[in-house]
């Protein structure tokens, strides 16, 4: 609030806490009447600016969470691909004519 030139002292912020508006997401999603009661010390233009700042911050937080979830999903896919069995290259010992298994069985 201080960085955005809005009222930020205890007297101005106590109504926000009393209204249950303790985070930017809660301020952004608050009804107009709840925000009006909580922002008694604010002018109408400061209320609008507070709502806009809270909405922008909530959107940025949601985008960051989505990016984190996307990175986690990509890491899970990468880990699953790394754990998948790798096909053998070159000759593969299988029980067939002339293989080690057949020679071992006939001895």
N, C-alpha and C. Protein backbone atom coordinates (compact mmCIF):
# COMPACT_ATOMS: atom_id res chain seq x y z
N UNK A 1 0.82 -1.17 0.00
CA UNK A 1 0.00 0.00 0.00
C UNK A 1 0.88 1.25 0.00
N UNK A 2 1.94 1.21 0.81
CA UNK A 2 2.84 2.37 0.89
C UNK A 2 3.49 2.62 -0.46
N UNK A 3 3.92 1.55 -1.13
CA UNK A 3 4.60 1.71 -2.42
C UNK A 3 3.68 2.29 -3.49
N UNK A 4 2.39 2.12 -3.32
CA UNK A 4 1.43 2.61 -4.31
C UNK A 4 0.70 3.87 -3.86
N UNK A 5 1.24 4.53 -2.85
CA UNK A 5 0.69 5.79 -2.35
C UNK A 5 -0.78 5.65 -1.91
N UNK A 6 -1.05 4.59 -1.17
CA UNK A 6 -2.37 4.37 -0.60
C UNK A 6 -2.25 4.40 0.92
N UNK A 7 -3.35 4.67 1.64
CA UNK A 7 -3.28 4.65 3.10
C UNK A 7 -2.79 3.28 3.59
N UNK A 8 -1.86 3.29 4.51
CA UNK A 8 -1.25 2.03 4.93
C UNK A 8 -1.02 1.95 6.45
N UNK A 9 -1.53 2.89 7.21
CA UNK A 9 -1.34 2.83 8.65
C UNK A 9 -2.32 1.85 9.29
N UNK A 10 -2.17 1.61 10.56
CA UNK A 10 -3.00 0.65 11.27
C UNK A 10 -4.48 1.01 11.18
N UNK A 11 -4.78 2.29 11.31
CA UNK A 11 -6.18 2.74 11.27
C UNK A 11 -6.82 2.43 9.92
N UNK A 12 -6.06 2.55 8.84
CA UNK A 12 -6.58 2.28 7.51
C UNK A 12 -6.66 0.79 7.20
N UNK A 13 -5.76 0.00 7.78
CA UNK A 13 -5.69 -1.42 7.42
C UNK A 13 -6.52 -2.32 8.32
N UNK A 14 -6.86 -1.88 9.52
CA UNK A 14 -7.65 -2.71 10.44
C UNK A 14 -8.99 -3.12 9.84
N UNK A 15 -9.74 -2.23 9.16
CA UNK A 15 -11.00 -2.68 8.56
C UNK A 15 -10.83 -3.79 7.51
N UNK A 16 -9.70 -3.81 6.82
CA UNK A 16 -9.44 -4.89 5.88
C UNK A 16 -9.34 -6.23 6.61
N UNK A 17 -8.60 -6.24 7.71
CA UNK A 17 -8.46 -7.47 8.50
C UNK A 17 -9.80 -7.88 9.11
N UNK A 18 -10.57 -6.90 9.57
CA UNK A 18 -11.88 -7.21 10.15
C UNK A 18 -12.82 -7.81 9.09
N UNK A 19 -12.67 -7.39 7.86
CA UNK A 19 -13.51 -7.90 6.77
C UNK A 19 -12.98 -9.19 6.17
N UNK A 20 -11.86 -9.70 6.69
CA UNK A 20 -11.29 -10.95 6.18
C UNK A 20 -10.50 -10.77 4.89
N UNK A 21 -10.13 -9.56 4.59
CA UNK A 21 -9.36 -9.28 3.38
C UNK A 21 -7.88 -9.18 3.75
N UNK A 22 -7.23 -10.33 3.84
CA UNK A 22 -5.85 -10.35 4.30
C UNK A 22 -4.86 -10.64 3.19
N UNK A 23 -5.34 -10.87 1.98
CA UNK A 23 -4.42 -11.10 0.87
C UNK A 23 -4.90 -10.34 -0.35
N UNK A 24 -4.02 -10.20 -1.32
CA UNK A 24 -4.39 -9.49 -2.54
C UNK A 24 -5.49 -10.23 -3.30
N UNK A 25 -5.45 -11.54 -3.28
CA UNK A 25 -6.49 -12.32 -3.97
C UNK A 25 -7.85 -12.09 -3.33
N UNK A 26 -7.89 -11.97 -2.00
CA UNK A 26 -9.15 -11.72 -1.31
C UNK A 26 -9.67 -10.31 -1.60
N UNK A 27 -8.76 -9.34 -1.68
CA UNK A 27 -9.16 -7.98 -2.01
C UNK A 27 -9.69 -7.94 -3.45
N UNK A 28 -9.01 -8.62 -4.36
CA UNK A 28 -9.42 -8.62 -5.77
C UNK A 28 -10.79 -9.28 -5.94
N UNK A 29 -11.09 -10.31 -5.14
CA UNK A 29 -12.34 -11.03 -5.29
C UNK A 29 -13.45 -10.55 -4.38
N UNK A 30 -13.22 -9.49 -3.61
CA UNK A 30 -14.21 -9.02 -2.64
C UNK A 30 -15.37 -8.34 -3.34
N UNK A 31 -16.54 -8.46 -2.74
CA UNK A 31 -17.72 -7.73 -3.23
C UNK A 31 -17.49 -6.24 -3.03
N UNK A 32 -18.21 -5.45 -3.81
CA UNK A 32 -18.05 -4.00 -3.71
C UNK A 32 -18.42 -3.46 -2.34
N UNK A 33 -19.49 -4.01 -1.74
CA UNK A 33 -19.90 -3.50 -0.42
C UNK A 33 -18.89 -3.87 0.66
N UNK A 34 -18.28 -5.05 0.57
CA UNK A 34 -17.25 -5.45 1.55
C UNK A 34 -16.02 -4.56 1.39
N UNK A 35 -15.63 -4.32 0.15
CA UNK A 35 -14.47 -3.46 -0.10
C UNK A 35 -14.76 -2.02 0.32
N UNK A 36 -15.97 -1.57 0.13
CA UNK A 36 -16.35 -0.21 0.54
C UNK A 36 -16.25 -0.05 2.06
N UNK A 37 -16.74 -1.07 2.80
CA UNK A 37 -16.64 -1.01 4.27
C UNK A 37 -15.21 -1.09 4.74
N UNK A 38 -14.40 -1.92 4.06
CA UNK A 38 -13.01 -2.11 4.50
C UNK A 38 -12.14 -0.91 4.19
N UNK A 39 -12.48 -0.19 3.15
CA UNK A 39 -11.63 0.93 2.73
C UNK A 39 -12.24 2.27 3.10
N UNK A 40 -12.64 2.40 4.35
CA UNK A 40 -13.24 3.65 4.85
C UNK A 40 -12.28 4.83 4.72
N UNK A 41 -11.01 4.59 4.94
CA UNK A 41 -10.03 5.68 4.92
C UNK A 41 -9.58 6.03 3.50
N UNK A 42 -10.10 5.35 2.49
CA UNK A 42 -9.68 5.56 1.12
C UNK A 42 -10.67 6.48 0.41
N UNK A 43 -10.16 7.25 -0.53
CA UNK A 43 -11.04 8.03 -1.40
C UNK A 43 -11.56 7.08 -2.49
N UNK A 44 -12.61 7.45 -3.21
CA UNK A 44 -13.12 6.56 -4.27
C UNK A 44 -12.07 6.20 -5.32
N UNK A 45 -11.23 7.14 -5.68
CA UNK A 45 -10.19 6.80 -6.67
C UNK A 45 -9.12 5.89 -6.06
N UNK A 46 -8.84 6.05 -4.77
CA UNK A 46 -7.89 5.14 -4.12
C UNK A 46 -8.49 3.73 -4.02
N UNK A 47 -9.79 3.61 -3.77
CA UNK A 47 -10.46 2.30 -3.76
C UNK A 47 -10.32 1.62 -5.11
N UNK A 48 -10.58 2.38 -6.17
CA UNK A 48 -10.48 1.82 -7.52
C UNK A 48 -9.05 1.38 -7.83
N UNK A 49 -8.09 2.21 -7.42
CA UNK A 49 -6.69 1.86 -7.66
C UNK A 49 -6.28 0.65 -6.84
N UNK A 50 -6.78 0.56 -5.60
CA UNK A 50 -6.49 -0.59 -4.74
C UNK A 50 -7.03 -1.87 -5.37
N UNK A 51 -8.27 -1.82 -5.88
CA UNK A 51 -8.88 -2.99 -6.53
C UNK A 51 -8.09 -3.37 -7.77
N UNK A 52 -7.69 -2.39 -8.58
CA UNK A 52 -6.93 -2.67 -9.80
C UNK A 52 -5.57 -3.28 -9.48
N UNK A 53 -4.89 -2.75 -8.47
CA UNK A 53 -3.59 -3.31 -8.08
C UNK A 53 -3.74 -4.73 -7.55
N UNK A 54 -4.78 -4.96 -6.75
CA UNK A 54 -5.01 -6.30 -6.21
C UNK A 54 -5.35 -7.28 -7.32
N UNK A 55 -6.15 -6.84 -8.29
CA UNK A 55 -6.50 -7.72 -9.42
C UNK A 55 -5.27 -8.07 -10.24
N UNK A 56 -4.43 -7.07 -10.50
CA UNK A 56 -3.21 -7.32 -11.27
C UNK A 56 -2.27 -8.26 -10.52
N UNK A 57 -2.14 -8.07 -9.23
CA UNK A 57 -1.27 -8.94 -8.43
C UNK A 57 -1.83 -10.35 -8.36
N UNK A 58 -3.15 -10.48 -8.23
CA UNK A 58 -3.77 -11.81 -8.18
C UNK A 58 -3.61 -12.53 -9.52
N UNK A 59 -3.73 -11.78 -10.62
CA UNK A 59 -3.54 -12.38 -11.94
C UNK A 59 -2.10 -12.84 -12.13
N UNK A 60 -1.16 -12.04 -11.67
CA UNK A 60 0.26 -12.42 -11.77
C UNK A 60 0.55 -13.64 -10.92
N UNK A 61 -0.05 -13.71 -9.75
CA UNK A 61 0.14 -14.87 -8.88
C UNK A 61 -0.47 -16.12 -9.51
N UNK A 62 -1.64 -15.99 -10.12
CA UNK A 62 -2.26 -17.13 -10.79
C UNK A 62 -1.42 -17.60 -11.97
N UNK A 63 -0.85 -16.66 -12.71
CA UNK A 63 0.01 -17.02 -13.83
C UNK A 63 1.27 -17.73 -13.35
N UNK A 64 1.83 -17.27 -12.24
CA UNK A 64 3.02 -17.92 -11.69
C UNK A 64 2.69 -19.33 -11.22
N UNK A 65 1.54 -19.52 -10.61
CA UNK A 65 1.13 -20.86 -10.18
C UNK A 65 0.90 -21.77 -11.37
N UNK A 66 0.32 -21.24 -12.44
CA UNK A 66 0.09 -22.04 -13.64
C UNK A 66 1.43 -22.44 -14.28
N UNK A 67 2.37 -21.51 -14.29
CA UNK A 67 3.69 -21.83 -14.84
C UNK A 67 4.40 -22.88 -14.00
N UNK A 68 4.25 -22.80 -12.69
CA UNK A 68 4.85 -23.79 -11.80
C UNK A 68 4.22 -25.16 -12.04
N UNK A 69 2.91 -25.20 -12.19
CA UNK A 69 2.23 -26.47 -12.45
C UNK A 69 2.64 -27.03 -13.80
N UNK A 70 2.84 -26.17 -14.79
CA UNK A 70 3.26 -26.62 -16.11
C UNK A 70 4.68 -27.19 -16.06
N UNK A 71 5.55 -26.52 -15.31
CA UNK A 71 6.93 -27.03 -15.16
C UNK A 71 6.93 -28.38 -14.43
N UNK A 72 6.07 -28.52 -13.42
CA UNK A 72 6.00 -29.78 -12.69
C UNK A 72 5.48 -30.90 -13.59
N UNK A 73 4.51 -30.59 -14.44
CA UNK A 73 3.99 -31.60 -15.36
C UNK A 73 5.05 -32.00 -16.38
N UNK A 74 5.81 -31.03 -16.88
CA UNK A 74 6.87 -31.33 -17.83
C UNK A 74 7.96 -32.18 -17.17
N UNK A 75 8.27 -31.88 -15.93
CA UNK A 75 9.28 -32.68 -15.21
C UNK A 75 8.79 -34.10 -14.99
N UNK A 76 7.50 -34.25 -14.70
CA UNK A 76 6.94 -35.60 -14.50
C UNK A 76 6.99 -36.40 -15.80
N UNK A 77 6.69 -35.75 -16.92
CA UNK A 77 6.76 -36.44 -18.21
C UNK A 77 8.19 -36.83 -18.52
N UNK A 78 9.12 -35.93 -18.25
CA UNK A 78 10.54 -36.22 -18.50
C UNK A 78 11.02 -37.37 -17.63
N UNK A 79 10.58 -37.37 -16.36
CA UNK A 79 10.98 -38.45 -15.45
C UNK A 79 10.38 -39.78 -15.88
N UNK A 80 9.13 -39.76 -16.35
CA UNK A 80 8.49 -41.00 -16.81
C UNK A 80 9.19 -41.52 -18.06
N UNK A 81 9.61 -40.61 -18.94
CA UNK A 81 10.32 -41.03 -20.14
C UNK A 81 11.68 -41.61 -19.79
N UNK A 82 12.33 -41.04 -18.78
CA UNK A 82 13.64 -41.55 -18.38
C UNK A 82 13.53 -42.91 -17.71
N UNK A 83 12.41 -43.18 -17.06
CA UNK A 83 12.23 -44.46 -16.38
C UNK A 83 11.75 -45.55 -17.31
N UNK A 84 11.31 -45.21 -18.51
CA UNK A 84 10.82 -46.21 -19.46
C UNK A 84 11.98 -47.09 -19.90
N UNK A 85 11.71 -48.37 -20.16
CA UNK A 85 12.79 -49.26 -20.59
C UNK A 85 13.33 -48.85 -21.96
N UNK A 86 14.63 -48.91 -22.07
CA UNK A 86 15.30 -48.55 -23.31
C UNK A 86 15.51 -49.82 -24.13
N UNK A 87 15.12 -49.84 -25.40
CA UNK A 87 15.34 -51.04 -26.20
C UNK A 87 16.83 -51.30 -26.37
N UNK A 88 17.19 -52.59 -26.35
CA UNK A 88 18.60 -52.97 -26.49
C UNK A 88 19.07 -52.72 -27.90
N UNK A 89 20.35 -52.42 -28.02
CA UNK A 89 20.93 -52.17 -29.34
C UNK A 89 21.82 -53.34 -29.71
N UNK A 90 21.89 -53.61 -30.98
CA UNK A 90 22.76 -54.69 -31.44
C UNK A 90 22.13 -56.05 -31.23
N UNK A 91 22.96 -57.06 -31.02
CA UNK A 91 22.47 -58.42 -30.85
C UNK A 91 21.82 -58.58 -29.49
N UNK A 92 20.72 -59.28 -29.48
CA UNK A 92 20.00 -59.55 -28.25
C UNK A 92 19.97 -61.06 -28.06
N UNK A 93 20.35 -61.51 -26.88
CA UNK A 93 20.35 -62.95 -26.60
C UNK A 93 18.92 -63.41 -26.36
N UNK A 94 18.41 -64.20 -27.30
CA UNK A 94 17.08 -64.76 -27.14
C UNK A 94 17.18 -66.25 -27.30
N UNK A 95 16.30 -66.98 -26.66
CA UNK A 95 16.36 -68.44 -26.82
C UNK A 95 15.93 -68.82 -28.24
N UNK A 96 16.89 -69.11 -29.08
CA UNK A 96 16.62 -69.50 -30.46
C UNK A 96 17.77 -70.36 -30.96
N UNK A 97 17.72 -70.71 -32.22
CA UNK A 97 18.75 -71.58 -32.81
C UNK A 97 20.10 -70.89 -32.75
N UNK A 98 21.06 -71.57 -32.18
CA UNK A 98 22.42 -71.07 -32.13
C UNK A 98 22.68 -70.06 -31.02
N UNK A 99 21.74 -69.87 -30.13
CA UNK A 99 21.95 -68.87 -29.08
C UNK A 99 22.64 -69.50 -27.88
N UNK A 100 23.08 -68.67 -27.02
CA UNK A 100 23.75 -69.12 -25.81
C UNK A 100 22.80 -69.98 -24.96
N UNK A 101 21.52 -69.63 -24.94
CA UNK A 101 20.55 -70.39 -24.15
C UNK A 101 20.45 -71.82 -24.62
N UNK A 102 20.44 -71.99 -25.96
CA UNK A 102 20.31 -73.35 -26.49
C UNK A 102 21.57 -74.14 -26.22
N UNK A 103 22.74 -73.54 -26.40
CA UNK A 103 23.99 -74.24 -26.14
C UNK A 103 24.09 -74.64 -24.68
N UNK A 104 23.65 -73.76 -23.79
CA UNK A 104 23.71 -74.03 -22.36
C UNK A 104 22.77 -75.18 -22.02
N UNK A 105 21.63 -75.25 -22.65
CA UNK A 105 20.65 -76.29 -22.34
C UNK A 105 21.08 -77.65 -22.84
N UNK A 106 21.86 -77.72 -23.92
CA UNK A 106 22.26 -79.01 -24.50
C UNK A 106 23.48 -79.59 -23.82
N UNK A 107 24.20 -78.87 -23.06
CA UNK A 107 25.41 -79.38 -22.41
C UNK A 107 25.08 -80.23 -21.23
